C-alpha atoms as a PDB file:
ATOM      1  CA  MET A   1     -21.961  12.354  20.380  1.00  0.00           C
ATOM      2  CA  GLU A   2     -24.722  11.470  17.651  1.00  0.00           C
ATOM      3  CA  ASP A   3     -25.602  15.079  17.392  1.00  0.00           C
ATOM      4  CA  THR A   4     -21.828  15.855  16.744  1.00  0.00           C
ATOM      5  CA  GLN A   5     -21.558  13.046  14.062  1.00  0.00           C
ATOM      6  CA  VAL A   6     -24.927  14.429  12.341  1.00  0.00           C
ATOM      7  CA  ARG A   7     -23.459  17.739  12.178  1.00  0.00           C
ATOM      8  CA  ASP A   8     -20.224  16.684  10.734  1.00  0.00           C
ATOM      9  CA  LYS A   9     -22.321  14.809   8.076  1.00  0.00           C
ATOM     10  CA  ILE A  10     -24.231  17.837   7.239  1.00  0.00           C
ATOM     11  CA  ARG A  11     -20.778  19.920   7.076  1.00  0.00           C
ATOM     12  CA  SER A  12     -19.390  17.058   4.790  1.00  0.00           C
ATOM     13  CA  ASN A  13     -22.386  17.144   2.512  1.00  0.00           C
ATOM     14  CA  ILE A  14     -22.517  21.089   2.228  1.00  0.00           C
ATOM     15  CA  ALA A  15     -18.629  20.920   1.471  1.00  0.00           C
ATOM     16  CA  GLN A  16     -18.902  18.470  -0.997  1.00  0.00           C
ATOM     17  CA  LYS A  17     -21.827  20.391  -2.778  1.00  0.00           C
ATOM     18  CA  LYS A  18     -19.684  23.513  -2.944  1.00  0.00           C
ATOM     19  CA  HIS A  19     -16.708  21.669  -4.156  1.00  0.00           C
ATOM     20  CA  ILE A  20     -18.933  20.206  -6.852  1.00  0.00           C
ATOM     21  CA  SER A  21     -20.388  23.833  -7.619  1.00  0.00           C
ATOM     22  CA  ASP A  22     -17.016  25.394  -7.571  1.00  0.00           C
ATOM     23  CA  LYS A  23     -15.895  23.047 -10.503  1.00  0.00           C
ATOM     24  CA  VAL A  24     -19.279  22.990 -12.457  1.00  0.00           C
ATOM     25  CA  MET A  25     -20.100  27.059 -12.467  1.00  0.00           C
ATOM     26  CA  PRO A  26     -16.854  28.272 -14.081  1.00  0.00           C
ATOM     27  CA  ASN A  27     -17.343  25.714 -16.756  1.00  0.00           C
ATOM     28  CA  PHE A  28     -21.076  27.084 -17.205  1.00  0.00           C
ATOM     29  CA  PHE A  29     -19.660  30.527 -17.302  1.00  0.00           C
ATOM     30  CA  LEU A  30     -17.239  29.557 -19.643  1.00  0.00           C
ATOM     31  CA  LEU A  31     -19.816  28.433 -21.991  1.00  0.00           C
ATOM     32  CA  MET A  32     -21.934  31.412 -21.606  1.00  0.00           C
ATOM     33  CA  ALA A  33     -18.899  33.776 -22.421  1.00  0.00           C
ATOM     34  CA  SER A  34     -18.100  31.688 -25.444  1.00  0.00           C
ATOM     35  CA  LEU A  35     -21.534  31.783 -26.928  1.00  0.00           C
ATOM     36  CA  SER A  36     -20.987  35.022 -28.588  1.00  0.00           C
ATOM     37  CA  VAL A  37     -17.420  33.963 -29.856  1.00  0.00           C
ATOM     38  CA  LEU A  38     -18.826  30.868 -31.309  1.00  0.00           C
ATOM     39  CA  THR A  39     -21.862  32.510 -32.847  1.00  0.00           C
ATOM     40  CA  THR A  40     -19.623  34.980 -34.576  1.00  0.00           C
ATOM     41  CA  LEU A  41     -17.358  32.306 -35.835  1.00  0.00           C
ATOM     42  CA  GLY A  42     -20.617  30.403 -37.123  1.00  0.00           C
ATOM     43  CA  ILE A  43     -21.598  33.645 -39.007  1.00  0.00           C
ATOM     44  CA  VAL A  44     -18.237  33.908 -40.614  1.00  0.00           C
ATOM     45  CA  ILE A  45     -18.084  30.544 -41.452  1.00  0.00           C
ATOM     46  CA  ILE A  46     -21.283  30.634 -43.338  1.00  0.00           C
ATOM     47  CA  LEU A  47     -20.702  33.988 -44.848  1.00  0.00           C
ATOM     48  CA  VAL A  48     -17.103  33.068 -46.399  1.00  0.00           C
ATOM     49  CA  THR A  49     -18.352  29.432 -47.667  1.00  0.00           C
ATOM     50  CA  ASP A  50     -21.391  30.808 -49.479  1.00  0.00           C
ATOM     51  CA  ALA A  51     -19.636  33.921 -50.647  1.00  0.00           C
ATOM     52  CA  SER A  52     -16.621  32.051 -51.974  1.00  0.00           C
ATOM     53  CA  LYS A  53     -19.324  30.417 -54.644  1.00  0.00           C
ATOM     54  CA  PHE A  54     -20.262  33.815 -55.735  1.00  0.00           C
ATOM     55  CA  PHE A  55     -16.653  35.178 -55.850  1.00  0.00           C
ATOM     56  CA  SER A  56     -15.301  31.952 -57.716  1.00  0.00           C
ATOM     57  CA  ALA A  57     -17.848  32.594 -60.489  1.00  0.00           C
ATOM     58  CA  VAL A  58     -17.820  36.401 -60.981  1.00  0.00           C
ATOM     59  CA  PRO A  59     -14.789  37.983 -62.040  1.00  0.00           C
ATOM     60  CA  LEU A  60     -13.281  40.867 -59.891  1.00  0.00           C
ATOM     61  CA  THR A  61     -13.630  43.325 -62.666  1.00  0.00           C
ATOM     62  CA  GLU A  62     -17.324  42.899 -62.594  1.00  0.00           C
ATOM     63  CA  ILE A  63     -17.750  42.777 -59.120  1.00  0.00           C
ATOM     64  CA  PHE A  64     -16.057  46.239 -58.591  1.00  0.00           C
ATOM     65  CA  SER A  65     -17.950  47.770 -61.851  1.00  0.00           C
ATOM     66  CA  THR A  66     -20.878  50.143 -61.577  1.00  0.00           C
ATOM     67  CA  GLU A  67     -23.322  48.056 -63.061  1.00  0.00           C
ATOM     68  CA  LEU A  68     -25.800  46.153 -61.026  1.00  0.00           C
ATOM     69  CA  ALA A  69     -28.725  44.043 -62.622  1.00  0.00           C
ATOM     70  CA  PRO A  70     -28.993  40.779 -60.970  1.00  0.00           C
ATOM     71  CA  LEU A  71     -32.253  39.892 -62.660  1.00  0.00           C
ATOM     72  CA  ARG A  72     -31.552  40.247 -66.179  1.00  0.00           C
ATOM     73  CA  LYS A  73     -31.244  37.422 -68.669  1.00  0.00           C
ATOM     74  CA  ASP A  74     -27.467  38.517 -68.390  1.00  0.00           C
ATOM     75  CA  PRO A  75     -27.114  39.461 -65.078  1.00  0.00           C
ATOM     76  CA  SER A  76     -24.448  41.702 -63.917  1.00  0.00           C
ATOM     77  CA  PHE A  77     -23.275  41.983 -60.254  1.00  0.00           C
ATOM     78  CA  GLY A  78     -21.385  45.279 -59.668  1.00  0.00           C
ATOM     79  CA  ILE A  79     -21.303  46.075 -56.252  1.00  0.00           C
ATOM     80  CA  LEU A  80     -20.263  49.812 -56.222  1.00  0.00           C
ATOM     81  CA  PRO A  81     -23.707  51.206 -56.339  1.00  0.00           C
ATOM     82  CA  LEU A  82     -24.486  49.499 -53.264  1.00  0.00           C
ATOM     83  CA  ILE A  83     -21.398  50.488 -51.613  1.00  0.00           C
ATOM     84  CA  SER A  84     -22.006  54.192 -52.636  1.00  0.00           C
ATOM     85  CA  GLY A  85     -25.640  53.971 -51.357  1.00  0.00           C
ATOM     86  CA  THR A  86     -24.542  52.474 -48.076  1.00  0.00           C
ATOM     87  CA  ILE A  87     -21.621  54.927 -47.620  1.00  0.00           C
ATOM     88  CA  ILE A  88     -23.751  58.288 -48.482  1.00  0.00           C
ATOM     89  CA  THR A  89     -26.718  57.565 -46.564  1.00  0.00           C
ATOM     90  CA  THR A  90     -24.305  56.824 -43.491  1.00  0.00           C
ATOM     91  CA  VAL A  91     -22.485  60.278 -43.862  1.00  0.00           C
ATOM     92  CA  ILE A  92     -25.670  61.993 -44.068  1.00  0.00           C
ATOM     93  CA  ALA A  93     -26.734  60.260 -40.911  1.00  0.00           C
ATOM     94  CA  MET A  94     -23.598  60.911 -39.111  1.00  0.00           C
ATOM     95  CA  LEU A  95     -23.659  64.683 -40.099  1.00  0.00           C
ATOM     96  CA  VAL A  96     -26.974  64.611 -38.185  1.00  0.00           C
ATOM     97  CA  ALA A  97     -26.357  62.422 -35.440  1.00  0.00           C
ATOM     98  CA  VAL A  98     -22.630  63.262 -34.203  1.00  0.00           C
ATOM     99  CA  PRO A  99     -22.884  67.071 -33.711  1.00  0.00           C
ATOM    100  CA  VAL A 100     -26.402  67.162 -32.449  1.00  0.00           C
ATOM    101  CA  GLY A 101     -25.611  64.073 -30.111  1.00  0.00           C
ATOM    102  CA  LEU A 102     -22.465  65.451 -29.027  1.00  0.00           C
ATOM    103  CA  ALA A 103     -24.358  68.806 -28.094  1.00  0.00           C
ATOM    104  CA  ALA A 104     -26.904  67.335 -26.289  1.00  0.00           C
ATOM    105  CA  ALA A 105     -24.475  65.201 -24.316  1.00  0.00           C
ATOM    106  CA  ILE A 106     -22.167  68.174 -23.615  1.00  0.00           C
ATOM    107  CA  TYR A 107     -25.282  70.131 -22.223  1.00  0.00           C
ATOM    108  CA  LEU A 108     -26.830  67.229 -20.159  1.00  0.00           C
ATOM    109  CA  SER A 109     -23.233  66.446 -18.371  1.00  0.00           C
ATOM    110  CA  GLN A 110     -22.129  70.133 -18.054  1.00  0.00           C
ATOM    111  CA  PHE A 111     -24.977  72.622 -18.033  1.00  0.00           C
ATOM    112  CA  ALA A 112     -28.170  71.028 -17.187  1.00  0.00           C
ATOM    113  CA  SER A 113     -29.396  70.963 -13.673  1.00  0.00           C
ATOM    114  CA  ASP A 114     -30.262  67.469 -12.105  1.00  0.00           C
ATOM    115  CA  LYS A 115     -34.043  68.035 -12.404  1.00  0.00           C
ATOM    116  CA  LEU A 116     -33.796  69.057 -15.888  1.00  0.00           C
ATOM    117  CA  ARG A 117     -31.343  66.037 -16.936  1.00  0.00           C
ATOM    118  CA  ARG A 118     -33.843  63.580 -15.318  1.00  0.00           C
ATOM    119  CA  LEU A 119     -36.534  65.168 -17.718  1.00  0.00           C
ATOM    120  CA  LEU A 120     -34.681  65.501 -20.862  1.00  0.00           C
ATOM    121  CA  LYS A 121     -32.705  62.338 -21.026  1.00  0.00           C
ATOM    122  CA  PRO A 122     -35.586  59.863 -20.944  1.00  0.00           C
ATOM    123  CA  MET A 123     -37.634  61.904 -23.575  1.00  0.00           C
ATOM    124  CA  MET A 124     -34.584  61.854 -25.827  1.00  0.00           C
ATOM    125  CA  GLU A 125     -33.946  57.983 -25.235  1.00  0.00           C
ATOM    126  CA  VAL A 126     -37.713  57.524 -26.230  1.00  0.00           C
ATOM    127  CA  LEU A 127     -36.555  57.973 -29.925  1.00  0.00           C
ATOM    128  CA  ALA A 128     -34.408  54.776 -29.522  1.00  0.00           C
ATOM    129  CA  GLY A 129     -37.369  52.675 -28.570  1.00  0.00           C
ATOM    130  CA  ILE A 130     -39.338  53.480 -32.108  1.00  0.00           C
ATOM    131  CA  PRO A 131     -39.472  51.066 -34.289  1.00  0.00           C
ATOM    132  CA  THR A 132     -37.296  51.327 -37.692  1.00  0.00           C
ATOM    133  CA  ILE A 133     -40.089  50.859 -39.771  1.00  0.00           C
ATOM    134  CA  VAL A 134     -41.971  53.594 -38.205  1.00  0.00           C
ATOM    135  CA  TYR A 135     -38.991  55.871 -39.044  1.00  0.00           C
ATOM    136  CA  GLY A 136     -39.228  54.628 -42.715  1.00  0.00           C
ATOM    137  CA  PHE A 137     -42.604  55.590 -43.109  1.00  0.00           C
ATOM    138  CA  PHE A 138     -42.183  58.970 -41.307  1.00  0.00           C
ATOM    139  CA  ALA A 139     -39.153  59.733 -43.834  1.00  0.00           C
ATOM    140  CA  TYR A 140     -41.090  58.660 -46.880  1.00  0.00           C
ATOM    141  CA  SER A 141     -44.518  60.172 -46.148  1.00  0.00           C
ATOM    142  CA  PHE A 142     -43.251  63.403 -44.116  1.00  0.00           C
ATOM    143  CA  VAL A 143     -39.739  64.402 -44.350  1.00  0.00           C
ATOM    144  CA  THR A 144     -39.675  63.670 -48.199  1.00  0.00           C
ATOM    145  CA  PRO A 145     -42.767  65.618 -48.987  1.00  0.00           C
ATOM    146  CA  LEU A 146     -41.450  68.638 -46.776  1.00  0.00           C
ATOM    147  CA  LEU A 147     -38.144  68.464 -48.478  1.00  0.00           C
ATOM    148  CA  MET A 148     -39.742  68.642 -52.054  1.00  0.00           C
ATOM    149  CA  ASN A 149     -40.871  72.175 -50.764  1.00  0.00           C
ATOM    150  CA  ILE A 150     -37.147  73.275 -50.354  1.00  0.00           C
ATOM    151  CA  ILE A 151     -35.688  71.132 -53.222  1.00  0.00           C
ATOM    152  CA  PRO A 152     -38.147  70.838 -56.071  1.00  0.00           C
ATOM    153  CA  SER A 153     -35.734  68.158 -57.846  1.00  0.00           C
ATOM    154  CA  LEU A 154     -35.938  65.786 -55.042  1.00  0.00           C
ATOM    155  CA  GLN A 155     -37.446  62.490 -55.978  1.00  0.00           C
ATOM    156  CA  ALA A 156     -40.209  60.653 -53.967  1.00  0.00           C
ATOM    157  CA  LYS A 157     -37.464  57.938 -53.148  1.00  0.00           C
ATOM    158  CA  ASN A 158     -34.222  59.629 -52.550  1.00  0.00           C
ATOM    159  CA  ALA A 159     -31.031  59.180 -50.079  1.00  0.00           C
ATOM    160  CA  LEU A 160     -31.308  62.582 -48.341  1.00  0.00           C
ATOM    161  CA  SER A 161     -34.683  61.846 -46.600  1.00  0.00           C
ATOM    162  CA  PRO A 162     -33.559  58.366 -45.182  1.00  0.00           C
ATOM    163  CA  GLY A 163     -30.024  59.730 -44.378  1.00  0.00           C
ATOM    164  CA  LEU A 164     -31.676  62.554 -42.173  1.00  0.00           C
ATOM    165  CA  VAL A 165     -34.205  60.224 -40.305  1.00  0.00           C
ATOM    166  CA  MET A 166     -31.544  57.930 -39.681  1.00  0.00           C
ATOM    167  CA  GLY A 167     -29.480  60.710 -38.023  1.00  0.00           C
ATOM    168  CA  ILE A 168     -32.378  61.380 -35.970  1.00  0.00           C
ATOM    169  CA  MET A 169     -32.735  57.753 -34.763  1.00  0.00           C
ATOM    170  CA  ILE A 170     -28.993  57.574 -33.771  1.00  0.00           C
ATOM    171  CA  ILE A 171     -28.953  60.764 -31.891  1.00  0.00           C
ATOM    172  CA  PRO A 172     -29.895  59.105 -28.460  1.00  0.00           C
ATOM    173  CA  MET A 173     -27.005  56.447 -28.791  1.00  0.00           C
ATOM    174  CA  VAL A 174     -24.491  59.156 -29.529  1.00  0.00           C
ATOM    175  CA  ALA A 175     -25.703  61.374 -26.704  1.00  0.00           C
ATOM    176  CA  SER A 176     -26.410  58.869 -23.972  1.00  0.00           C
ATOM    177  CA  LEU A 177     -23.018  57.084 -24.451  1.00  0.00           C
ATOM    178  CA  SER A 178     -21.131  60.434 -24.985  1.00  0.00           C
ATOM    179  CA  GLU A 179     -22.819  61.679 -21.683  1.00  0.00           C
ATOM    180  CA  ASP A 180     -21.843  58.549 -19.717  1.00  0.00           C
ATOM    181  CA  ALA A 181     -18.170  58.879 -21.002  1.00  0.00           C
ATOM    182  CA  MET A 182     -17.992  62.766 -20.049  1.00  0.00           C
ATOM    183  CA  ASN A 183     -19.651  61.953 -16.465  1.00  0.00           C
ATOM    184  CA  SER A 184     -16.780  59.347 -15.876  1.00  0.00           C
ATOM    185  CA  VAL A 185     -14.247  61.886 -16.277  1.00  0.00           C
ATOM    186  CA  PRO A 186     -12.844  62.701 -12.360  1.00  0.00           C
ATOM    187  CA  GLU A 187     -14.928  65.324 -10.896  1.00  0.00           C
ATOM    188  CA  ILE A 188     -11.631  66.860  -9.473  1.00  0.00           C
ATOM    189  CA  ILE A 189     -10.189  67.319 -12.844  1.00  0.00           C
ATOM    190  CA  ARG A 190     -13.262  69.369 -13.898  1.00  0.00           C
ATOM    191  CA  GLU A 191     -12.990  71.422 -10.441  1.00  0.00           C
ATOM    192  CA  GLY A 192      -9.335  71.987 -11.214  1.00  0.00           C
ATOM    193  CA  SER A 193     -10.178  73.398 -14.411  1.00  0.00           C
ATOM    194  CA  LEU A 194     -12.741  75.633 -13.115  1.00  0.00           C
ATOM    195  CA  GLY A 195     -10.488  76.805 -10.255  1.00  0.00           C
ATOM    196  CA  LEU A 196      -8.216  77.747 -12.810  1.00  0.00           C
ATOM    197  CA  GLY A 197     -10.500  80.404 -14.128  1.00  0.00           C
ATOM    198  CA  ALA A 198     -11.679  78.230 -16.911  1.00  0.00           C
ATOM    199  CA  THR A 199     -15.266  78.719 -17.936  1.00  0.00           C
ATOM    200  CA  LYS A 200     -17.714  75.777 -18.316  1.00  0.00           C
ATOM    201  CA  LEU A 201     -17.575  75.804 -22.086  1.00  0.00           C
ATOM    202  CA  GLU A 202     -13.879  75.824 -22.036  1.00  0.00           C
ATOM    203  CA  THR A 203     -13.583  72.943 -19.465  1.00  0.00           C
ATOM    204  CA  ALA A 204     -16.039  70.880 -21.694  1.00  0.00           C
ATOM    205  CA  PHE A 205     -13.883  71.376 -24.757  1.00  0.00           C
ATOM    206  CA  LYS A 206     -10.611  71.605 -23.429  1.00  0.00           C
ATOM    207  CA  VAL A 207     -10.676  68.996 -20.528  1.00  0.00           C
ATOM    208  CA  ILE A 208     -14.016  66.846 -20.415  1.00  0.00           C
ATOM    209  CA  ILE A 209     -13.868  65.999 -23.978  1.00  0.00           C
ATOM    210  CA  PRO A 210     -10.166  64.976 -24.430  1.00  0.00           C
ATOM    211  CA  GLY A 211     -10.748  62.943 -21.236  1.00  0.00           C
ATOM    212  CA  ALA A 212     -13.971  61.130 -22.445  1.00  0.00           C
ATOM    213  CA  ILE A 213     -12.522  60.721 -26.005  1.00  0.00           C
ATOM    214  CA  SER A 214     -12.314  57.121 -25.911  1.00  0.00           C
ATOM    215  CA  GLY A 215     -15.792  56.914 -24.704  1.00  0.00           C
ATOM    216  CA  ILE A 216     -17.032  59.303 -27.365  1.00  0.00           C
ATOM    217  CA  MET A 217     -15.118  57.285 -30.247  1.00  0.00           C
ATOM    218  CA  ALA A 218     -16.900  54.338 -29.257  1.00  0.00           C
ATOM    219  CA  SER A 219     -20.392  55.911 -29.149  1.00  0.00           C
ATOM    220  CA  ILE A 220     -19.687  57.200 -32.821  1.00  0.00           C
ATOM    221  CA  VAL A 221     -18.276  53.914 -34.172  1.00  0.00           C
ATOM    222  CA  LEU A 222     -21.549  52.373 -32.688  1.00  0.00           C
ATOM    223  CA  ALA A 223     -23.599  54.727 -34.503  1.00  0.00           C
ATOM    224  CA  ILE A 224     -21.649  54.300 -37.923  1.00  0.00           C
ATOM    225  CA  SER A 225     -22.220  50.530 -37.586  1.00  0.00           C
ATOM    226  CA  ARG A 226     -25.807  51.161 -36.483  1.00  0.00           C
ATOM    227  CA  ALA A 227     -26.367  53.366 -39.682  1.00  0.00           C
ATOM    228  CA  ILE A 228     -24.437  50.950 -42.080  1.00  0.00           C
ATOM    229  CA  GLY A 229     -26.721  47.914 -40.850  1.00  0.00           C
ATOM    230  CA  GLU A 230     -29.885  50.016 -40.826  1.00  0.00           C
ATOM    231  CA  THR A 231     -32.535  48.069 -43.312  1.00  0.00           C
ATOM    232  CA  MET A 232     -36.099  49.480 -42.971  1.00  0.00           C
ATOM    233  CA  ILE A 233     -35.486  53.194 -43.229  1.00  0.00           C
ATOM    234  CA  VAL A 234     -33.544  52.757 -46.563  1.00  0.00           C
ATOM    235  CA  THR A 235     -35.753  50.321 -47.948  1.00  0.00           C
ATOM    236  CA  ILE A 236     -38.850  52.083 -47.810  1.00  0.00           C
ATOM    237  CA  ALA A 237     -37.695  55.862 -48.308  1.00  0.00           C
ATOM    238  CA  SER A 238     -34.480  55.533 -50.559  1.00  0.00           C
ATOM    239  CA  GLY A 239     -35.994  52.855 -53.079  1.00  0.00           C
ATOM    240  CA  SER A 240     -34.263  50.114 -54.846  1.00  0.00           C
ATOM    241  CA  SER A 241     -32.715  51.934 -57.906  1.00  0.00           C
ATOM    242  CA  LYS A 242     -29.211  50.457 -58.648  1.00  0.00           C
ATOM    243  CA  ASN A 243     -27.663  53.584 -60.038  1.00  0.00           C
ATOM    244  CA  PHE A 244     -24.218  54.610 -59.277  1.00  0.00           C
ATOM    245  CA  THR A 245     -24.508  58.242 -58.420  1.00  0.00           C
ATOM    246  CA  LEU A 246     -23.625  60.702 -55.770  1.00  0.00           C
ATOM    247  CA  ASP A 247     -26.689  62.676 -56.306  1.00  0.00           C
ATOM    248  CA  ILE A 248     -28.747  62.417 -52.768  1.00  0.00           C
ATOM    249  CA  THR A 249     -31.675  63.683 -54.503  1.00  0.00           C
ATOM    250  CA  GLN A 250     -31.817  60.515 -56.430  1.00  0.00           C
ATOM    251  CA  SER A 251     -32.977  57.155 -55.524  1.00  0.00           C
ATOM    252  CA  MET A 252     -30.167  54.788 -54.240  1.00  0.00           C
ATOM    253  CA  GLN A 253     -30.105  51.201 -52.825  1.00  0.00           C
ATOM    254  CA  THR A 254     -27.932  50.117 -49.958  1.00  0.00           C
ATOM    255  CA  MET A 255     -26.590  46.836 -49.145  1.00  0.00           C
ATOM    256  CA  THR A 256     -28.964  46.015 -46.331  1.00  0.00           C
ATOM    257  CA  ALA A 257     -31.860  46.917 -48.964  1.00  0.00           C
ATOM    258  CA  TYR A 258     -30.306  44.689 -51.521  1.00  0.00           C
ATOM    259  CA  ILE A 259     -30.402  41.825 -49.203  1.00  0.00           C
ATOM    260  CA  VAL A 260     -34.140  42.639 -48.068  1.00  0.00           C
ATOM    261  CA  GLU A 261     -35.030  42.995 -51.882  1.00  0.00           C
ATOM    262  CA  PHE A 262     -33.536  39.441 -52.644  1.00  0.00           C
ATOM    263  CA  THR A 263     -34.731  37.452 -49.801  1.00  0.00           C
ATOM    264  CA  SER A 264     -38.137  38.618 -50.486  1.00  0.00           C
ATOM    265  CA  GLY A 265     -38.352  35.509 -53.064  1.00  0.00           C
ATOM    266  CA  ASP A 266     -36.652  37.061 -56.149  1.00  0.00           C
ATOM    267  CA  ALA A 267     -33.635  34.712 -55.865  1.00  0.00           C
ATOM    268  CA  GLY A 268     -33.744  30.996 -56.306  1.00  0.00           C
ATOM    269  CA  SER A 269     -31.956  28.847 -53.837  1.00  0.00           C
ATOM    270  CA  GLY A 270     -28.475  27.835 -55.279  1.00  0.00           C
ATOM    271  CA  THR A 271     -28.459  30.687 -57.944  1.00  0.00           C
ATOM    272  CA  LEU A 272     -25.693  33.020 -58.214  1.00  0.00           C
ATOM    273  CA  GLY A 273     -27.843  35.730 -57.217  1.00  0.00           C
ATOM    274  CA  TYR A 274     -28.666  33.939 -53.847  1.00  0.00           C
ATOM    275  CA  TYR A 275     -24.841  33.476 -53.495  1.00  0.00           C
ATOM    276  CA  SER A 276     -24.532  37.449 -54.057  1.00  0.00           C
ATOM    277  CA  LEU A 277     -26.636  37.785 -50.708  1.00  0.00           C
ATOM    278  CA  TYR A 278     -23.623  36.309 -48.904  1.00  0.00           C
ATOM    279  CA  ALA A 279     -21.014  38.307 -50.752  1.00  0.00           C
ATOM    280  CA  VAL A 280     -22.884  41.563 -49.889  1.00  0.00           C
ATOM    281  CA  GLY A 281     -23.284  40.317 -46.430  1.00  0.00           C
ATOM    282  CA  LEU A 282     -19.701  39.610 -46.048  1.00  0.00           C
ATOM    283  CA  ILE A 283     -18.714  42.982 -47.393  1.00  0.00           C
ATOM    284  CA  LEU A 284     -20.853  44.391 -44.870  1.00  0.00           C
ATOM    285  CA  PHE A 285     -18.919  42.553 -42.259  1.00  0.00           C
ATOM    286  CA  ILE A 286     -15.884  43.721 -43.330  1.00  0.00           C
ATOM    287  CA  PHE A 287     -17.099  47.298 -43.383  1.00  0.00           C
ATOM    288  CA  THR A 288     -18.144  46.972 -39.672  1.00  0.00           C
ATOM    289  CA  LEU A 289     -15.000  45.060 -38.808  1.00  0.00           C
ATOM    290  CA  GLY A 290     -12.790  47.698 -40.027  1.00  0.00           C
ATOM    291  CA  ILE A 291     -14.613  50.393 -38.524  1.00  0.00           C
ATOM    292  CA  ASN A 292     -14.218  48.862 -35.124  1.00  0.00           C
ATOM    293  CA  LEU A 293     -10.601  48.088 -35.647  1.00  0.00           C
ATOM    294  CA  LEU A 294     -10.037  51.933 -36.757  1.00  0.00           C
ATOM    295  CA  ALA A 295     -11.964  53.056 -33.753  1.00  0.00           C
ATOM    296  CA  GLN A 296      -9.700  51.055 -31.402  1.00  0.00           C
ATOM    297  CA  TYR A 297      -6.709  52.275 -32.953  1.00  0.00           C
ATOM    298  CA  ILE A 298      -7.772  56.166 -32.593  1.00  0.00           C
ATOM    299  CA  SER A 299      -8.756  55.310 -29.002  1.00  0.00           C
ATOM    300  CA  ARG A 300      -5.650  54.000 -28.083  1.00  0.00           C
ATOM    301  CA  LYS A 301      -3.642  57.080 -29.617  1.00  0.00           C
ATOM    302  CA  TYR A 302      -5.941  59.408 -27.848  1.00  0.00           C
ATOM    303  CA  ARG A 303      -5.023  57.625 -24.364  1.00  0.00           C
ATOM    304  CA  GLU A 304      -1.369  57.885 -25.197  1.00  0.00           C
ATOM    305  CA  VAL A 305      -1.848  61.722 -25.713  1.00  0.00           C
ATOM    306  CA  TYR A 306      -4.113  62.442 -22.882  1.00  0.00           C
END
């Protein structure tokens, strides 16, 4: 009798503990899931609050001008030189990363043997683990002198060299995510294409890539966001020239490099130059958000087609 009571009491305690954990743990998981949302919300509030002080003091005609000289006695805060520098270096990086990364993904997923794939993929992904400051010095001390032999007019600080090196750095991201997307296409679809007489190359371009386009687009968007937000490579190899130009042989400054320059101590807290950092950060945030929204729209369209 006593043993039965003890067992019933133990069962009751266990059930009570389970009941408490069933109530507490979902709330804990909700809190963990909310952290990223709360962090993003906090970043947006800080950016908008401090950037609004800059936009209220500087007219839009000056903001969207081509003259940027924040440290003059009569400062000018034209944002177009930074936007053009960011876009140009990003485009150069994408011209390297997207075709090379997709070609690597197609080879690894469709043509490479399992043994070769296990060898090549880790070697390629080593590139993703190299610190970006190493890439920056590589671009400045090796790639730029090499390009000077081909393009004599190339300056010591330029947009071409960091753009190319950024593209090399981003290749593993595009290749790895695109390969995963291609491998997720059902094997029966691949076998059906081959069974109908299509070659492996035709299957890759006409069946696998359309079927994996959503994942491929996601990899490209992440690559673009990575290139836009890159800091050390462009800071070291592209220089700090604030000229509005489309000449990739000249020095340019990106939005991230501008933030690095000013946070190094040139802008006093509470000054107009200080608040310009938040304005640039807000524009950078809007750039990335717009790219992600565009990618989601394109992915939905492709899902409807395929």
